[in-house]
Amino acid sequence: MQKSLWLKAAGAAAALTFAATAAAQAAPAPSGTARAAAAVTLRYDDSRAAGWESAIAAGVASWNRNVDNVQLVEAPAGTRAEIVIVATTGWPQAYLGPVRPGGQVRVELGSQAVAQGYNKTRIAAHELGHSLGLPDTKPGPCTQLMSGSSAGTSCTNAVPNATEQARVESFYAGALTAGAAAGGRTLVDAP
């Protein structure tokens, strides 16, 4: 190869490398990349929660939008989920977590609360909050998701407040060990 052609090729390669490096440094990281890398992923199975699918999806979305250290994803068919969600005829109830990867808790979404006028999405988000480690805060205002039924049937808030968000963040911060939930009891959300 002639020296002048080699210099042109080397110069072009250097220019491309410089341009690619500059573009990579200038471009912002894709939204959620750091968050997804650090988050604990918990799978949920709602295959036995007929009639609650949209409320569960909205409750999951609320938690995923409002906390960074843990993310809830639907378990693929045939795989074990950490959160098993079922529809029942009684009062909503859930095992108090925080559930850990490899552990398992049960959430029961009871139609008795719906029959009395409570909002399905709030119920689903509230019960998921128990799985993530939050106890009830009864009595409490509608602005507290974990106030549950004490906020009354007119309350439709399905968003955890800043204190609830911070508590869940702390439960899933740092290294986690696999295992069951830490809470050890089932909470029934009857008024």
C-alpha atoms as a PDB file:
ATOM      1  CA  MET A   1       0.000   0.000   0.000  1.00  0.00           C
ATOM      2  CA  GLN A   2       1.337   3.417  -0.851  1.00  0.00           C
ATOM      3  CA  LYS A   3       2.288   5.611   2.067  1.00  0.00           C
ATOM      4  CA  SER A   4      -0.203   8.342   1.070  1.00  0.00           C
ATOM      5  CA  LEU A   5      -3.089   5.852   0.809  1.00  0.00           C
ATOM      6  CA  TRP A   6      -2.147   4.318   4.127  1.00  0.00           C
ATOM      7  CA  LEU A   7      -2.105   7.756   5.785  1.00  0.00           C
ATOM      8  CA  LYS A   8      -5.526   8.600   4.288  1.00  0.00           C
ATOM      9  CA  ALA A   9      -6.996   5.288   5.524  1.00  0.00           C
ATOM     10  CA  ALA A  10      -5.475   5.719   8.973  1.00  0.00           C
ATOM     11  CA  GLY A  11      -6.729   9.300   9.140  1.00  0.00           C
ATOM     12  CA  ALA A  12     -10.246   8.258   8.111  1.00  0.00           C
ATOM     13  CA  ALA A  13     -10.286   5.476  10.721  1.00  0.00           C
ATOM     14  CA  ALA A  14      -9.112   7.884  13.415  1.00  0.00           C
ATOM     15  CA  ALA A  15     -11.774  10.399  12.413  1.00  0.00           C
ATOM     16  CA  LEU A  16     -14.501   7.731  12.562  1.00  0.00           C
ATOM     17  CA  THR A  17     -13.281   6.534  15.959  1.00  0.00           C
ATOM     18  CA  PHE A  18     -13.221  10.111  17.275  1.00  0.00           C
ATOM     19  CA  ALA A  19     -16.716  10.831  15.914  1.00  0.00           C
ATOM     20  CA  ALA A  20     -18.153   7.637  17.396  1.00  0.00           C
ATOM     21  CA  THR A  21     -16.542   8.328  20.781  1.00  0.00           C
ATOM     22  CA  ALA A  22     -17.792  11.913  20.816  1.00  0.00           C
ATOM     23  CA  ALA A  23     -21.307  10.828  19.856  1.00  0.00           C
ATOM     24  CA  ALA A  24     -21.365   8.160  22.572  1.00  0.00           C
ATOM     25  CA  GLN A  25     -20.243  10.657  25.203  1.00  0.00           C
ATOM     26  CA  ALA A  26     -22.710  13.318  24.083  1.00  0.00           C
ATOM     27  CA  ALA A  27     -25.731  11.051  23.776  1.00  0.00           C
ATOM     28  CA  PRO A  28     -27.749  10.649  26.975  1.00  0.00           C
ATOM     29  CA  ALA A  29     -28.171   7.137  28.321  1.00  0.00           C
ATOM     30  CA  PRO A  30     -31.472   5.550  27.272  1.00  0.00           C
ATOM     31  CA  SER A  31     -34.223   6.246  29.775  1.00  0.00           C
ATOM     32  CA  GLY A  32     -34.453   3.622  32.494  1.00  0.00           C
ATOM     33  CA  THR A  33     -31.165   1.868  31.634  1.00  0.00           C
ATOM     34  CA  ALA A  34     -29.487   2.508  34.988  1.00  0.00           C
ATOM     35  CA  ARG A  35     -32.753   1.856  36.782  1.00  0.00           C
ATOM     36  CA  ALA A  36     -33.354  -1.482  35.089  1.00  0.00           C
ATOM     37  CA  ALA A  37     -29.794  -2.650  35.737  1.00  0.00           C
ATOM     38  CA  ALA A  38     -30.022  -2.004  39.485  1.00  0.00           C
ATOM     39  CA  ALA A  39     -33.609  -3.089  40.095  1.00  0.00           C
ATOM     40  CA  VAL A  40     -34.615  -6.363  41.706  1.00  0.00           C
ATOM     41  CA  THR A  41     -37.072  -8.075  39.378  1.00  0.00           C
ATOM     42  CA  LEU A  42     -40.029  -9.866  40.925  1.00  0.00           C
ATOM     43  CA  ARG A  43     -42.373 -11.953  38.786  1.00  0.00           C
ATOM     44  CA  TYR A  44     -46.103 -12.103  39.389  1.00  0.00           C
ATOM     45  CA  ASP A  45     -48.617 -14.692  38.205  1.00  0.00           C
ATOM     46  CA  ASP A  46     -52.188 -13.464  37.790  1.00  0.00           C
ATOM     47  CA  SER A  47     -53.413 -16.467  35.793  1.00  0.00           C
ATOM     48  CA  ARG A  48     -55.912 -17.266  38.580  1.00  0.00           C
ATOM     49  CA  ALA A  49     -57.188 -13.710  38.966  1.00  0.00           C
ATOM     50  CA  ALA A  50     -59.864 -13.618  36.266  1.00  0.00           C
ATOM     51  CA  GLY A  51     -61.689 -10.299  36.163  1.00  0.00           C
ATOM     52  CA  TRP A  52     -58.822  -8.435  37.858  1.00  0.00           C
ATOM     53  CA  GLU A  53     -56.366  -8.275  34.952  1.00  0.00           C
ATOM     54  CA  SER A  54     -56.696  -4.548  34.188  1.00  0.00           C
ATOM     55  CA  ALA A  55     -56.637  -3.594  37.887  1.00  0.00           C
ATOM     56  CA  ILE A  56     -53.515  -5.714  38.421  1.00  0.00           C
ATOM     57  CA  ALA A  57     -51.819  -4.192  35.364  1.00  0.00           C
ATOM     58  CA  ALA A  58     -52.611  -0.683  36.639  1.00  0.00           C
ATOM     59  CA  GLY A  59     -51.406  -1.530  40.164  1.00  0.00           C
ATOM     60  CA  VAL A  60     -48.171  -3.016  38.817  1.00  0.00           C
ATOM     61  CA  ALA A  61     -47.645   0.035  36.586  1.00  0.00           C
ATOM     62  CA  SER A  62     -48.137   2.343  39.568  1.00  0.00           C
ATOM     63  CA  TRP A  63     -45.442   0.569  41.583  1.00  0.00           C
ATOM     64  CA  ASN A  64     -43.076   0.352  38.608  1.00  0.00           C
ATOM     65  CA  ARG A  65     -43.439   4.091  37.929  1.00  0.00           C
ATOM     66  CA  ASN A  66     -42.869   5.067  41.540  1.00  0.00           C
ATOM     67  CA  VAL A  67     -40.005   2.876  42.777  1.00  0.00           C
ATOM     68  CA  ASP A  68     -36.600   2.165  41.263  1.00  0.00           C
ATOM     69  CA  ASN A  69     -35.082  -0.648  43.346  1.00  0.00           C
ATOM     70  CA  VAL A  70     -37.713  -3.238  42.474  1.00  0.00           C
ATOM     71  CA  GLN A  71     -39.714  -3.866  39.322  1.00  0.00           C
ATOM     72  CA  LEU A  72     -42.678  -6.186  38.869  1.00  0.00           C
ATOM     73  CA  VAL A  73     -42.989  -8.203  35.662  1.00  0.00           C
ATOM     74  CA  GLU A  74     -45.535 -10.763  34.556  1.00  0.00           C
ATOM     75  CA  ALA A  75     -44.161 -14.291  34.855  1.00  0.00           C
ATOM     76  CA  PRO A  76     -44.042 -16.223  31.589  1.00  0.00           C
ATOM     77  CA  ALA A  77     -46.435 -19.174  31.554  1.00  0.00           C
ATOM     78  CA  GLY A  78     -45.000 -22.188  33.312  1.00  0.00           C
ATOM     79  CA  THR A  79     -42.416 -20.276  35.354  1.00  0.00           C
ATOM     80  CA  ARG A  80     -42.408 -19.811  39.105  1.00  0.00           C
ATOM     81  CA  ALA A  81     -43.503 -16.377  40.294  1.00  0.00           C
ATOM     82  CA  GLU A  82     -42.591 -14.639  43.530  1.00  0.00           C
ATOM     83  CA  ILE A  83     -46.080 -13.098  43.786  1.00  0.00           C
ATOM     84  CA  VAL A  84     -49.045 -15.380  43.113  1.00  0.00           C
ATOM     85  CA  ILE A  85     -52.283 -13.432  42.652  1.00  0.00           C
ATOM     86  CA  VAL A  86     -55.682 -15.111  42.880  1.00  0.00           C
ATOM     87  CA  ALA A  87     -59.273 -13.889  42.789  1.00  0.00           C
ATOM     88  CA  THR A  88     -61.437 -14.886  45.755  1.00  0.00           C
ATOM     89  CA  THR A  89     -64.930 -14.197  47.058  1.00  0.00           C
ATOM     90  CA  GLY A  90     -63.720 -12.941  50.459  1.00  0.00           C
ATOM     91  CA  TRP A  91     -61.866  -9.844  51.602  1.00  0.00           C
ATOM     92  CA  PRO A  92     -58.575  -8.914  49.959  1.00  0.00           C
ATOM     93  CA  GLN A  93     -55.528 -10.180  51.786  1.00  0.00           C
ATOM     94  CA  ALA A  94     -51.824 -10.680  51.216  1.00  0.00           C
ATOM     95  CA  TYR A  95     -48.763 -12.122  52.862  1.00  0.00           C
ATOM     96  CA  LEU A  96     -46.563  -9.375  54.276  1.00  0.00           C
ATOM     97  CA  GLY A  97     -43.186  -9.224  52.525  1.00  0.00           C
ATOM     98  CA  PRO A  98     -40.847  -7.978  51.376  1.00  0.00           C
ATOM     99  CA  VAL A  99     -40.734 -11.002  49.116  1.00  0.00           C
ATOM    100  CA  ARG A 100     -37.271 -11.797  47.803  1.00  0.00           C
ATOM    101  CA  PRO A 101     -36.239 -13.294  44.461  1.00  0.00           C
ATOM    102  CA  GLY A 102     -36.835 -17.031  44.722  1.00  0.00           C
ATOM    103  CA  GLY A 103     -39.329 -16.586  47.582  1.00  0.00           C
ATOM    104  CA  GLN A 104     -43.078 -16.624  47.163  1.00  0.00           C
ATOM    105  CA  VAL A 105     -46.073 -14.793  48.583  1.00  0.00           C
ATOM    106  CA  ARG A 106     -49.787 -14.976  47.860  1.00  0.00           C
ATOM    107  CA  VAL A 107     -52.146 -12.082  47.152  1.00  0.00           C
ATOM    108  CA  GLU A 108     -55.908 -12.646  47.280  1.00  0.00           C
ATOM    109  CA  LEU A 109     -58.048 -10.055  45.542  1.00  0.00           C
ATOM    110  CA  GLY A 110     -61.426 -10.418  47.190  1.00  0.00           C
ATOM    111  CA  SER A 111     -64.665  -9.546  45.481  1.00  0.00           C
ATOM    112  CA  GLN A 112     -66.358  -8.785  48.812  1.00  0.00           C
ATOM    113  CA  ALA A 113     -64.536  -5.422  48.917  1.00  0.00           C
ATOM    114  CA  VAL A 114     -65.596  -4.640  45.332  1.00  0.00           C
ATOM    115  CA  ALA A 115     -69.209  -5.497  46.181  1.00  0.00           C
ATOM    116  CA  GLN A 116     -69.040  -2.928  48.978  1.00  0.00           C
ATOM    117  CA  GLY A 117     -67.786  -0.241  46.578  1.00  0.00           C
ATOM    118  CA  TYR A 118     -63.984  -0.271  46.927  1.00  0.00           C
ATOM    119  CA  ASN A 119     -61.890   0.483  43.839  1.00  0.00           C
ATOM    120  CA  LYS A 120     -60.299  -2.578  42.172  1.00  0.00           C
ATOM    121  CA  THR A 121     -57.110  -0.822  41.090  1.00  0.00           C
ATOM    122  CA  ARG A 122     -56.531   0.608  44.562  1.00  0.00           C
ATOM    123  CA  ILE A 123     -57.121  -2.860  46.031  1.00  0.00           C
ATOM    124  CA  ALA A 124     -54.601  -4.459  43.654  1.00  0.00           C
ATOM    125  CA  ALA A 125     -51.932  -1.781  44.259  1.00  0.00           C
ATOM    126  CA  HIS A 126     -52.531  -1.935  48.035  1.00  0.00           C
ATOM    127  CA  GLU A 127     -52.181  -5.729  48.185  1.00  0.00           C
ATOM    128  CA  LEU A 128     -49.027  -5.602  46.047  1.00  0.00           C
ATOM    129  CA  GLY A 129     -47.719  -3.077  48.591  1.00  0.00           C
ATOM    130  CA  HIS A 130     -48.063  -5.764  51.284  1.00  0.00           C
ATOM    131  CA  SER A 131     -46.010  -8.159  49.134  1.00  0.00           C
ATOM    132  CA  LEU A 132     -43.343  -5.462  48.850  1.00  0.00           C
ATOM    133  CA  GLY A 133     -43.202  -5.182  52.661  1.00  0.00           C
ATOM    134  CA  LEU A 134     -45.671  -2.478  53.640  1.00  0.00           C
ATOM    135  CA  PRO A 135     -48.151  -3.061  56.474  1.00  0.00           C
ATOM    136  CA  ASP A 136     -51.506  -1.326  56.745  1.00  0.00           C
ATOM    137  CA  THR A 137     -51.580   2.257  58.004  1.00  0.00           C
ATOM    138  CA  LYS A 138     -55.157   2.271  59.303  1.00  0.00           C
ATOM    139  CA  PRO A 139     -56.771   4.605  59.875  1.00  0.00           C
ATOM    140  CA  GLY A 140     -55.287   6.807  57.242  1.00  0.00           C
ATOM    141  CA  PRO A 141     -56.109   9.283  54.495  1.00  0.00           C
ATOM    142  CA  CYS A 142     -56.689   8.472  50.829  1.00  0.00           C
ATOM    143  CA  THR A 143     -53.207   9.830  50.037  1.00  0.00           C
ATOM    144  CA  GLN A 144     -51.724   6.805  51.811  1.00  0.00           C
ATOM    145  CA  LEU A 145     -52.115   3.761  49.588  1.00  0.00           C
ATOM    146  CA  MET A 146     -51.616   1.503  52.581  1.00  0.00           C
ATOM    147  CA  SER A 147     -54.535   3.089  54.462  1.00  0.00           C
ATOM    148  CA  GLY A 148     -56.642   0.621  52.504  1.00  0.00           C
ATOM    149  CA  SER A 149     -60.310   0.449  53.341  1.00  0.00           C
ATOM    150  CA  SER A 150     -60.050   3.086  56.090  1.00  0.00           C
ATOM    151  CA  ALA A 151     -59.891   5.776  53.374  1.00  0.00           C
ATOM    152  CA  GLY A 152     -63.453   4.905  52.333  1.00  0.00           C
ATOM    153  CA  THR A 153     -65.106   3.696  49.160  1.00  0.00           C
ATOM    154  CA  SER A 154     -64.753   7.061  47.402  1.00  0.00           C
ATOM    155  CA  CYS A 155     -60.943   6.773  47.479  1.00  0.00           C
ATOM    156  CA  THR A 156     -59.453   5.619  44.175  1.00  0.00           C
ATOM    157  CA  ASN A 157     -55.794   6.549  44.808  1.00  0.00           C
ATOM    158  CA  ALA A 158     -53.553   3.685  43.662  1.00  0.00           C
ATOM    159  CA  VAL A 159     -50.244   5.553  43.966  1.00  0.00           C
ATOM    160  CA  PRO A 160     -47.887   5.026  46.921  1.00  0.00           C
ATOM    161  CA  ASN A 161     -46.972   8.293  48.658  1.00  0.00           C
ATOM    162  CA  ALA A 162     -43.354   9.409  49.142  1.00  0.00           C
ATOM    163  CA  THR A 163     -43.002   7.650  52.517  1.00  0.00           C
ATOM    164  CA  GLU A 164     -44.362   4.373  51.134  1.00  0.00           C
ATOM    165  CA  GLN A 165     -42.084   4.649  48.107  1.00  0.00           C
ATOM    166  CA  ALA A 166     -39.037   5.290  50.310  1.00  0.00           C
ATOM    167  CA  ARG A 167     -39.793   2.284  52.523  1.00  0.00           C
ATOM    168  CA  VAL A 168     -40.058  -0.062  49.543  1.00  0.00           C
ATOM    169  CA  GLU A 169     -36.866   1.420  48.078  1.00  0.00           C
ATOM    170  CA  SER A 170     -35.058   0.685  51.352  1.00  0.00           C
ATOM    171  CA  PHE A 171     -36.328  -2.922  51.437  1.00  0.00           C
ATOM    172  CA  TYR A 172     -34.825  -3.590  48.004  1.00  0.00           C
ATOM    173  CA  ALA A 173     -31.641  -1.512  48.235  1.00  0.00           C
ATOM    174  CA  GLY A 174     -28.253  -3.199  48.061  1.00  0.00           C
ATOM    175  CA  ALA A 175     -27.547  -6.884  47.807  1.00  0.00           C
ATOM    176  CA  LEU A 176     -30.445  -9.238  48.376  1.00  0.00           C
ATOM    177  CA  THR A 177     -30.419 -12.833  49.378  1.00  0.00           C
ATOM    178  CA  ALA A 178     -32.918 -15.204  47.867  1.00  0.00           C
ATOM    179  CA  GLY A 179     -35.644 -16.536  50.066  1.00  0.00           C
ATOM    180  CA  ALA A 180     -39.119 -16.040  51.380  1.00  0.00           C
ATOM    181  CA  ALA A 181     -40.810 -12.942  52.643  1.00  0.00           C
ATOM    182  CA  ALA A 182     -39.550 -11.303  55.800  1.00  0.00           C
ATOM    183  CA  GLY A 183     -42.922 -10.305  57.298  1.00  0.00           C
ATOM    184  CA  GLY A 184     -44.300 -13.716  58.094  1.00  0.00           C
ATOM    185  CA  ARG A 185     -48.019 -13.006  58.371  1.00  0.00           C
ATOM    186  CA  THR A 186     -51.102 -12.602  56.224  1.00  0.00           C
ATOM    187  CA  LEU A 187     -52.894  -9.261  56.389  1.00  0.00           C
ATOM    188  CA  VAL A 188     -56.656  -9.269  55.796  1.00  0.00           C
ATOM    189  CA  ASP A 189     -57.937  -5.925  54.579  1.00  0.00           C
ATOM    190  CA  ALA A 190     -61.497  -5.969  55.870  1.00  0.00           C
ATOM    191  CA  PRO A 191     -62.743  -2.670  57.331  1.00  0.00           C
END
